[in-house]
All heavy atoms as atom14 arrays in JSON, in Angstrom:
{
  "sequence": "GGIAIHGAVIGGVLTAIVFTKVKKISFWRLADVIA",
  "atom14_mask": [
    [1, 1, 1, 1, 0, 0, 0, 0, 0, 0, 0, 0, 0, 0],
    [1, 1, 1, 1, 0, 0, 0, 0, 0, 0, 0, 0, 0, 0],
    [1, 1, 1, 1, 1, 1, 1, 1, 0, 0, 0, 0, 0, 0],
    [1, 1, 1, 1, 1, 0, 0, 0, 0, 0, 0, 0, 0, 0],
    [1, 1, 1, 1, 1, 1, 1, 1, 0, 0, 0, 0, 0, 0],
    [1, 1, 1, 1, 1, 1, 1, 1, 1, 1, 0, 0, 0, 0],
    [1, 1, 1, 1, 0, 0, 0, 0, 0, 0, 0, 0, 0, 0],
    [1, 1, 1, 1, 1, 0, 0, 0, 0, 0, 0, 0, 0, 0],
    [1, 1, 1, 1, 1, 1, 1, 0, 0, 0, 0, 0, 0, 0],
    [1, 1, 1, 1, 1, 1, 1, 1, 0, 0, 0, 0, 0, 0],
    [1, 1, 1, 1, 0, 0, 0, 0, 0, 0, 0, 0, 0, 0],
    [1, 1, 1, 1, 0, 0, 0, 0, 0, 0, 0, 0, 0, 0],
    [1, 1, 1, 1, 1, 1, 1, 0, 0, 0, 0, 0, 0, 0],
    [1, 1, 1, 1, 1, 1, 1, 1, 0, 0, 0, 0, 0, 0],
    [1, 1, 1, 1, 1, 1, 1, 0, 0, 0, 0, 0, 0, 0],
    [1, 1, 1, 1, 1, 0, 0, 0, 0, 0, 0, 0, 0, 0],
    [1, 1, 1, 1, 1, 1, 1, 1, 0, 0, 0, 0, 0, 0],
    [1, 1, 1, 1, 1, 1, 1, 0, 0, 0, 0, 0, 0, 0],
    [1, 1, 1, 1, 1, 1, 1, 1, 1, 1, 1, 0, 0, 0],
    [1, 1, 1, 1, 1, 1, 1, 0, 0, 0, 0, 0, 0, 0],
    [1, 1, 1, 1, 1, 1, 1, 1, 1, 0, 0, 0, 0, 0],
    [1, 1, 1, 1, 1, 1, 1, 0, 0, 0, 0, 0, 0, 0],
    [1, 1, 1, 1, 1, 1, 1, 1, 1, 0, 0, 0, 0, 0],
    [1, 1, 1, 1, 1, 1, 1, 1, 1, 0, 0, 0, 0, 0],
    [1, 1, 1, 1, 1, 1, 1, 1, 0, 0, 0, 0, 0, 0],
    [1, 1, 1, 1, 1, 1, 0, 0, 0, 0, 0, 0, 0, 0],
    [1, 1, 1, 1, 1, 1, 1, 1, 1, 1, 1, 0, 0, 0],
    [1, 1, 1, 1, 1, 1, 1, 1, 1, 1, 1, 1, 1, 1],
    [1, 1, 1, 1, 1, 1, 1, 1, 1, 1, 1, 0, 0, 0],
    [1, 1, 1, 1, 1, 1, 1, 1, 0, 0, 0, 0, 0, 0],
    [1, 1, 1, 1, 1, 0, 0, 0, 0, 0, 0, 0, 0, 0],
    [1, 1, 1, 1, 1, 1, 1, 1, 0, 0, 0, 0, 0, 0],
    [1, 1, 1, 1, 1, 1, 1, 0, 0, 0, 0, 0, 0, 0],
    [1, 1, 1, 1, 1, 1, 1, 1, 0, 0, 0, 0, 0, 0],
    [1, 1, 1, 1, 1, 0, 0, 0, 0, 0, 0, 0, 0, 0]
  ],
  "atom14_positions": [
    [[89.66, 113.15, 112.65], [89.1, 111.86, 112.46], [88.21, 111.84, 111.18], [87.75, 112.93, 110.69], [0.0, 0.0, 0.0], [0.0, 0.0, 0.0], [0.0, 0.0, 0.0], [0.0, 0.0, 0.0], [0.0, 0.0, 0.0], [0.0, 0.0, 0.0], [0.0, 0.0, 0.0], [0.0, 0.0, 0.0], [0.0, 0.0, 0.0], [0.0, 0.0, 0.0]],
    [[88.04, 110.63, 110.65], [87.19, 110.5, 109.45], [87.92, 110.14, 108.13], [88.0, 111.02, 107.24], [0.0, 0.0, 0.0], [0.0, 0.0, 0.0], [0.0, 0.0, 0.0], [0.0, 0.0, 0.0], [0.0, 0.0, 0.0], [0.0, 0.0, 0.0], [0.0, 0.0, 0.0], [0.0, 0.0, 0.0], [0.0, 0.0, 0.0], [0.0, 0.0, 0.0]],
    [[88.39, 108.87, 108.0], [88.81, 108.33, 106.78], [88.29, 106.94, 106.61], [87.94, 106.38, 107.6], [90.38, 108.39, 106.62], [90.98, 107.6, 107.79], [90.94, 109.79, 106.62], [92.52, 107.38, 107.62], [0.0, 0.0, 0.0], [0.0, 0.0, 0.0], [0.0, 0.0, 0.0], [0.0, 0.0, 0.0], [0.0, 0.0, 0.0], [0.0, 0.0, 0.0]],
    [[88.2, 106.48, 105.39], [87.62, 105.21, 105.16], [88.5, 104.35, 104.38], [89.12, 104.76, 103.3], [86.27, 105.35, 104.4], [0.0, 0.0, 0.0], [0.0, 0.0, 0.0], [0.0, 0.0, 0.0], [0.0, 0.0, 0.0], [0.0, 0.0, 0.0], [0.0, 0.0, 0.0], [0.0, 0.0, 0.0], [0.0, 0.0, 0.0], [0.0, 0.0, 0.0]],
    [[88.82, 103.06, 104.8], [89.74, 102.17, 104.09], [89.29, 101.9, 102.73], [90.13, 101.81, 101.8], [89.94, 100.88, 104.97], [91.1, 100.07, 104.33], [88.69, 100.08, 105.07], [92.46, 100.71, 104.35], [0.0, 0.0, 0.0], [0.0, 0.0, 0.0], [0.0, 0.0, 0.0], [0.0, 0.0, 0.0], [0.0, 0.0, 0.0], [0.0, 0.0, 0.0]],
    [[88.0, 101.77, 102.52], [87.54, 101.51, 101.09], [87.97, 102.6, 100.2], [88.31, 102.39, 99.05], [86.04, 101.3, 101.1], [85.54, 99.92, 101.39], [84.53, 99.62, 102.29], [86.1, 98.69, 100.94], [84.44, 98.29, 102.34], [85.32, 97.76, 101.51], [0.0, 0.0, 0.0], [0.0, 0.0, 0.0], [0.0, 0.0, 0.0], [0.0, 0.0, 0.0]],
    [[87.83, 103.85, 100.64], [88.26, 104.97, 99.83], [89.74, 104.98, 99.53], [90.17, 105.22, 98.43], [0.0, 0.0, 0.0], [0.0, 0.0, 0.0], [0.0, 0.0, 0.0], [0.0, 0.0, 0.0], [0.0, 0.0, 0.0], [0.0, 0.0, 0.0], [0.0, 0.0, 0.0], [0.0, 0.0, 0.0], [0.0, 0.0, 0.0], [0.0, 0.0, 0.0]],
    [[90.51, 104.53, 100.51], [91.93, 104.44, 100.34], [92.31, 103.39, 99.35], [93.21, 103.58, 98.42], [92.62, 104.15, 101.61], [0.0, 0.0, 0.0], [0.0, 0.0, 0.0], [0.0, 0.0, 0.0], [0.0, 0.0, 0.0], [0.0, 0.0, 0.0], [0.0, 0.0, 0.0], [0.0, 0.0, 0.0], [0.0, 0.0, 0.0], [0.0, 0.0, 0.0]],
    [[91.64, 102.2, 99.35], [91.9, 101.11, 98.39], [91.48, 101.5, 97.01], [92.23, 101.28, 96.08], [91.12, 99.89, 98.83], [91.23, 98.75, 97.76], [91.71, 99.26, 100.16], [0.0, 0.0, 0.0], [0.0, 0.0, 0.0], [0.0, 0.0, 0.0], [0.0, 0.0, 0.0], [0.0, 0.0, 0.0], [0.0, 0.0, 0.0], [0.0, 0.0, 0.0]],
    [[90.35, 102.17, 96.87], [89.91, 102.66, 95.55], [90.92, 103.66, 95.0], [91.29, 103.54, 93.78], [88.49, 103.35, 95.6], [87.51, 102.3, 95.98], [88.15, 104.08, 94.35], [86.1, 102.89, 96.35], [0.0, 0.0, 0.0], [0.0, 0.0, 0.0], [0.0, 0.0, 0.0], [0.0, 0.0, 0.0], [0.0, 0.0, 0.0], [0.0, 0.0, 0.0]],
    [[91.43, 104.6, 95.84], [92.43, 105.54, 95.39], [93.73, 104.83, 94.95], [94.35, 105.18, 93.94], [0.0, 0.0, 0.0], [0.0, 0.0, 0.0], [0.0, 0.0, 0.0], [0.0, 0.0, 0.0], [0.0, 0.0, 0.0], [0.0, 0.0, 0.0], [0.0, 0.0, 0.0], [0.0, 0.0, 0.0], [0.0, 0.0, 0.0], [0.0, 0.0, 0.0]],
    [[94.08, 103.85, 95.71], [95.28, 103.08, 95.43], [95.23, 102.27, 94.17], [96.23, 102.24, 93.36], [0.0, 0.0, 0.0], [0.0, 0.0, 0.0], [0.0, 0.0, 0.0], [0.0, 0.0, 0.0], [0.0, 0.0, 0.0], [0.0, 0.0, 0.0], [0.0, 0.0, 0.0], [0.0, 0.0, 0.0], [0.0, 0.0, 0.0], [0.0, 0.0, 0.0]],
    [[94.09, 101.71, 93.92], [93.93, 100.92, 92.7], [93.94, 101.84, 91.45], [94.56, 101.5, 90.43], [92.54, 100.12, 92.74], [92.24, 99.56, 91.35], [92.65, 99.01, 93.76], [0.0, 0.0, 0.0], [0.0, 0.0, 0.0], [0.0, 0.0, 0.0], [0.0, 0.0, 0.0], [0.0, 0.0, 0.0], [0.0, 0.0, 0.0], [0.0, 0.0, 0.0]],
    [[93.24, 102.97, 91.53], [93.28, 103.9, 90.45], [94.63, 104.39, 90.14], [95.06, 104.6, 88.99], [92.31, 105.1, 90.72], [90.79, 104.77, 90.8], [89.96, 106.04, 91.2], [90.3, 104.23, 89.4], [0.0, 0.0, 0.0], [0.0, 0.0, 0.0], [0.0, 0.0, 0.0], [0.0, 0.0, 0.0], [0.0, 0.0, 0.0], [0.0, 0.0, 0.0]],
    [[95.4, 104.7, 91.21], [96.83, 105.09, 91.0], [97.6, 103.95, 90.35], [98.45, 104.26, 89.49], [97.43, 105.39, 92.48], [96.63, 106.47, 93.09], [98.8, 106.0, 92.25], [0.0, 0.0, 0.0], [0.0, 0.0, 0.0], [0.0, 0.0, 0.0], [0.0, 0.0, 0.0], [0.0, 0.0, 0.0], [0.0, 0.0, 0.0], [0.0, 0.0, 0.0]],
    [[97.4, 102.8, 90.76], [98.08, 101.69, 90.18], [97.84, 101.54, 88.68], [98.77, 101.24, 87.92], [97.74, 100.33, 90.96], [0.0, 0.0, 0.0], [0.0, 0.0, 0.0], [0.0, 0.0, 0.0], [0.0, 0.0, 0.0], [0.0, 0.0, 0.0], [0.0, 0.0, 0.0], [0.0, 0.0, 0.0], [0.0, 0.0, 0.0], [0.0, 0.0, 0.0]],
    [[96.57, 101.69, 88.31], [96.17, 101.63, 86.91], [96.95, 102.62, 86.05], [97.58, 102.32, 85.01], [94.66, 101.78, 86.75], [93.86, 100.59, 87.32], [94.33, 101.92, 85.24], [92.42, 100.82, 87.39], [0.0, 0.0, 0.0], [0.0, 0.0, 0.0], [0.0, 0.0, 0.0], [0.0, 0.0, 0.0], [0.0, 0.0, 0.0], [0.0, 0.0, 0.0]],
    [[96.91, 103.88, 86.52], [97.62, 104.97, 85.84], [99.18, 104.69, 85.83], [99.84, 104.89, 84.84], [97.29, 106.35, 86.43], [98.08, 107.44, 85.82], [95.84, 106.62, 86.29], [0.0, 0.0, 0.0], [0.0, 0.0, 0.0], [0.0, 0.0, 0.0], [0.0, 0.0, 0.0], [0.0, 0.0, 0.0], [0.0, 0.0, 0.0], [0.0, 0.0, 0.0]],
    [[99.7, 104.4, 87.05], [101.14, 104.2, 87.19], [101.7, 103.05, 86.27], [102.61, 103.27, 85.57], [101.39, 103.73, 88.59], [102.85, 103.5, 88.95], [103.7, 104.58, 89.17], [103.35, 102.22, 89.0], [105.07, 104.26, 89.48], [104.66, 101.92, 89.29], [105.52, 102.98, 89.51], [0.0, 0.0, 0.0], [0.0, 0.0, 0.0], [0.0, 0.0, 0.0]],
    [[100.89, 101.92, 86.21], [101.41, 100.88, 85.33], [101.23, 101.16, 83.85], [102.02, 100.6, 83.04], [100.6, 99.56, 85.68], [99.21, 99.79, 85.7], [101.0, 99.03, 87.05], [0.0, 0.0, 0.0], [0.0, 0.0, 0.0], [0.0, 0.0, 0.0], [0.0, 0.0, 0.0], [0.0, 0.0, 0.0], [0.0, 0.0, 0.0], [0.0, 0.0, 0.0]],
    [[100.24, 101.94, 83.55], [100.18, 102.4, 82.11], [101.33, 103.25, 81.67], [101.96, 103.11, 80.65], [98.84, 103.21, 81.91], [97.53, 102.4, 81.94], [97.41, 101.52, 80.67], [96.09, 100.8, 80.65], [96.01, 99.93, 79.56], [0.0, 0.0, 0.0], [0.0, 0.0, 0.0], [0.0, 0.0, 0.0], [0.0, 0.0, 0.0], [0.0, 0.0, 0.0]],
    [[101.7, 104.19, 82.54], [102.81, 105.13, 82.33], [104.18, 104.3, 82.3], [104.93, 104.52, 81.4], [102.89, 106.23, 83.31], [104.15, 107.09, 83.1], [101.68, 107.17, 83.27], [0.0, 0.0, 0.0], [0.0, 0.0, 0.0], [0.0, 0.0, 0.0], [0.0, 0.0, 0.0], [0.0, 0.0, 0.0], [0.0, 0.0, 0.0], [0.0, 0.0, 0.0]],
    [[104.37, 103.41, 83.16], [105.56, 102.62, 83.34], [105.61, 101.49, 82.33], [106.65, 100.83, 82.22], [105.77, 102.14, 84.73], [105.97, 103.16, 85.82], [107.37, 103.74, 85.7], [107.74, 104.65, 86.81], [109.13, 105.17, 86.74], [0.0, 0.0, 0.0], [0.0, 0.0, 0.0], [0.0, 0.0, 0.0], [0.0, 0.0, 0.0], [0.0, 0.0, 0.0]],
    [[104.51, 101.2, 81.75], [104.37, 100.07, 80.79], [104.74, 98.76, 81.46], [105.51, 97.95, 80.87], [105.23, 100.37, 79.56], [104.83, 101.51, 78.76], [105.71, 101.84, 77.56], [105.22, 103.06, 76.77], [106.06, 103.3, 75.56], [0.0, 0.0, 0.0], [0.0, 0.0, 0.0], [0.0, 0.0, 0.0], [0.0, 0.0, 0.0], [0.0, 0.0, 0.0]],
    [[104.05, 98.54, 82.63], [104.21, 97.27, 83.25], [102.85, 96.73, 83.53], [101.89, 97.48, 83.42], [105.04, 97.37, 84.54], [104.38, 98.34, 85.51], [106.42, 97.71, 84.37], [104.99, 98.47, 86.84], [0.0, 0.0, 0.0], [0.0, 0.0, 0.0], [0.0, 0.0, 0.0], [0.0, 0.0, 0.0], [0.0, 0.0, 0.0], [0.0, 0.0, 0.0]],
    [[102.77, 95.46, 83.91], [101.47, 94.79, 84.13], [100.81, 95.3, 85.46], [101.5, 95.19, 86.46], [101.61, 93.24, 84.1], [100.48, 92.63, 84.65], [0.0, 0.0, 0.0], [0.0, 0.0, 0.0], [0.0, 0.0, 0.0], [0.0, 0.0, 0.0], [0.0, 0.0, 0.0], [0.0, 0.0, 0.0], [0.0, 0.0, 0.0], [0.0, 0.0, 0.0]],
    [[99.63, 95.8, 85.35], [98.92, 96.14, 86.56], [98.73, 94.92, 87.48], [98.92, 95.05, 88.68], [97.53, 96.73, 86.24], [96.58, 96.79, 87.44], [96.55, 97.79, 88.26], [95.61, 95.68, 87.64], [95.73, 97.78, 89.42], [94.73, 95.71, 88.69], [94.86, 96.74, 89.64], [0.0, 0.0, 0.0], [0.0, 0.0, 0.0], [0.0, 0.0, 0.0]],
    [[98.37, 93.76, 86.92], [98.16, 92.6, 87.72], [99.38, 92.17, 88.4], [99.35, 91.59, 89.54], [97.56, 91.52, 86.88], [96.15, 91.83, 86.26], [95.9, 92.13, 85.0], [94.99, 91.97, 86.96], [94.63, 92.44, 84.9], [94.01, 92.35, 86.06], [94.59, 91.78, 88.38], [92.65, 92.51, 86.49], [93.34, 92.01, 88.69], [92.34, 92.4, 87.8]],
    [[100.56, 92.28, 87.8], [101.79, 91.89, 88.36], [102.12, 92.75, 89.63], [102.47, 92.23, 90.61], [102.96, 92.05, 87.35], [104.21, 91.37, 87.76], [105.14, 91.18, 86.52], [106.33, 90.45, 86.88], [107.53, 90.97, 86.94], [107.7, 92.25, 86.58], [108.56, 90.19, 87.3], [0.0, 0.0, 0.0], [0.0, 0.0, 0.0], [0.0, 0.0, 0.0]],
    [[101.97, 94.06, 89.47], [102.16, 94.93, 90.59], [101.18, 94.63, 91.73], [101.47, 94.6, 92.92], [102.02, 96.4, 90.12], [102.17, 97.52, 91.22], [103.63, 97.49, 91.79], [101.8, 98.91, 90.57], [0.0, 0.0, 0.0], [0.0, 0.0, 0.0], [0.0, 0.0, 0.0], [0.0, 0.0, 0.0], [0.0, 0.0, 0.0], [0.0, 0.0, 0.0]],
    [[99.91, 94.52, 91.29], [98.82, 94.27, 92.29], [99.02, 93.0, 93.13], [98.84, 92.9, 94.32], [97.45, 94.25, 91.65], [0.0, 0.0, 0.0], [0.0, 0.0, 0.0], [0.0, 0.0, 0.0], [0.0, 0.0, 0.0], [0.0, 0.0, 0.0], [0.0, 0.0, 0.0], [0.0, 0.0, 0.0], [0.0, 0.0, 0.0], [0.0, 0.0, 0.0]],
    [[99.52, 91.94, 92.47], [99.85, 90.66, 93.14], [100.91, 90.76, 94.12], [100.87, 90.21, 95.25], [100.17, 89.59, 92.09], [99.0, 88.97, 91.41], [97.82, 89.23, 91.88], [99.12, 88.23, 90.39], [0.0, 0.0, 0.0], [0.0, 0.0, 0.0], [0.0, 0.0, 0.0], [0.0, 0.0, 0.0], [0.0, 0.0, 0.0], [0.0, 0.0, 0.0]],
    [[101.98, 91.56, 93.77], [103.09, 91.72, 94.68], [102.67, 92.52, 95.89], [103.06, 92.23, 97.05], [104.22, 92.47, 93.98], [105.28, 92.86, 94.98], [104.82, 91.45, 92.94], [0.0, 0.0, 0.0], [0.0, 0.0, 0.0], [0.0, 0.0, 0.0], [0.0, 0.0, 0.0], [0.0, 0.0, 0.0], [0.0, 0.0, 0.0], [0.0, 0.0, 0.0]],
    [[101.86, 93.52, 95.69], [101.46, 94.47, 96.83], [100.42, 93.87, 97.75], [100.35, 94.2, 98.94], [101.02, 95.76, 96.21], [102.23, 96.5, 95.67], [100.32, 96.64, 97.27], [101.95, 97.82, 95.0], [0.0, 0.0, 0.0], [0.0, 0.0, 0.0], [0.0, 0.0, 0.0], [0.0, 0.0, 0.0], [0.0, 0.0, 0.0], [0.0, 0.0, 0.0]],
    [[99.47, 93.02, 97.18], [98.27, 92.58, 97.93], [98.62, 92.04, 99.35], [97.92, 92.47, 100.35], [97.56, 91.52, 97.1], [0.0, 0.0, 0.0], [0.0, 0.0, 0.0], [0.0, 0.0, 0.0], [0.0, 0.0, 0.0], [0.0, 0.0, 0.0], [0.0, 0.0, 0.0], [0.0, 0.0, 0.0], [0.0, 0.0, 0.0], [0.0, 0.0, 0.0]]
  ]
}
């Protein structure tokens, strides 16, 4: 036991920032689809 959803969301957002930079796509576009 012992995980926190806020930590998971922060990790997911940071991953999305790096991922979209590498893939050269819009972070906001990906985030809107996934939200």
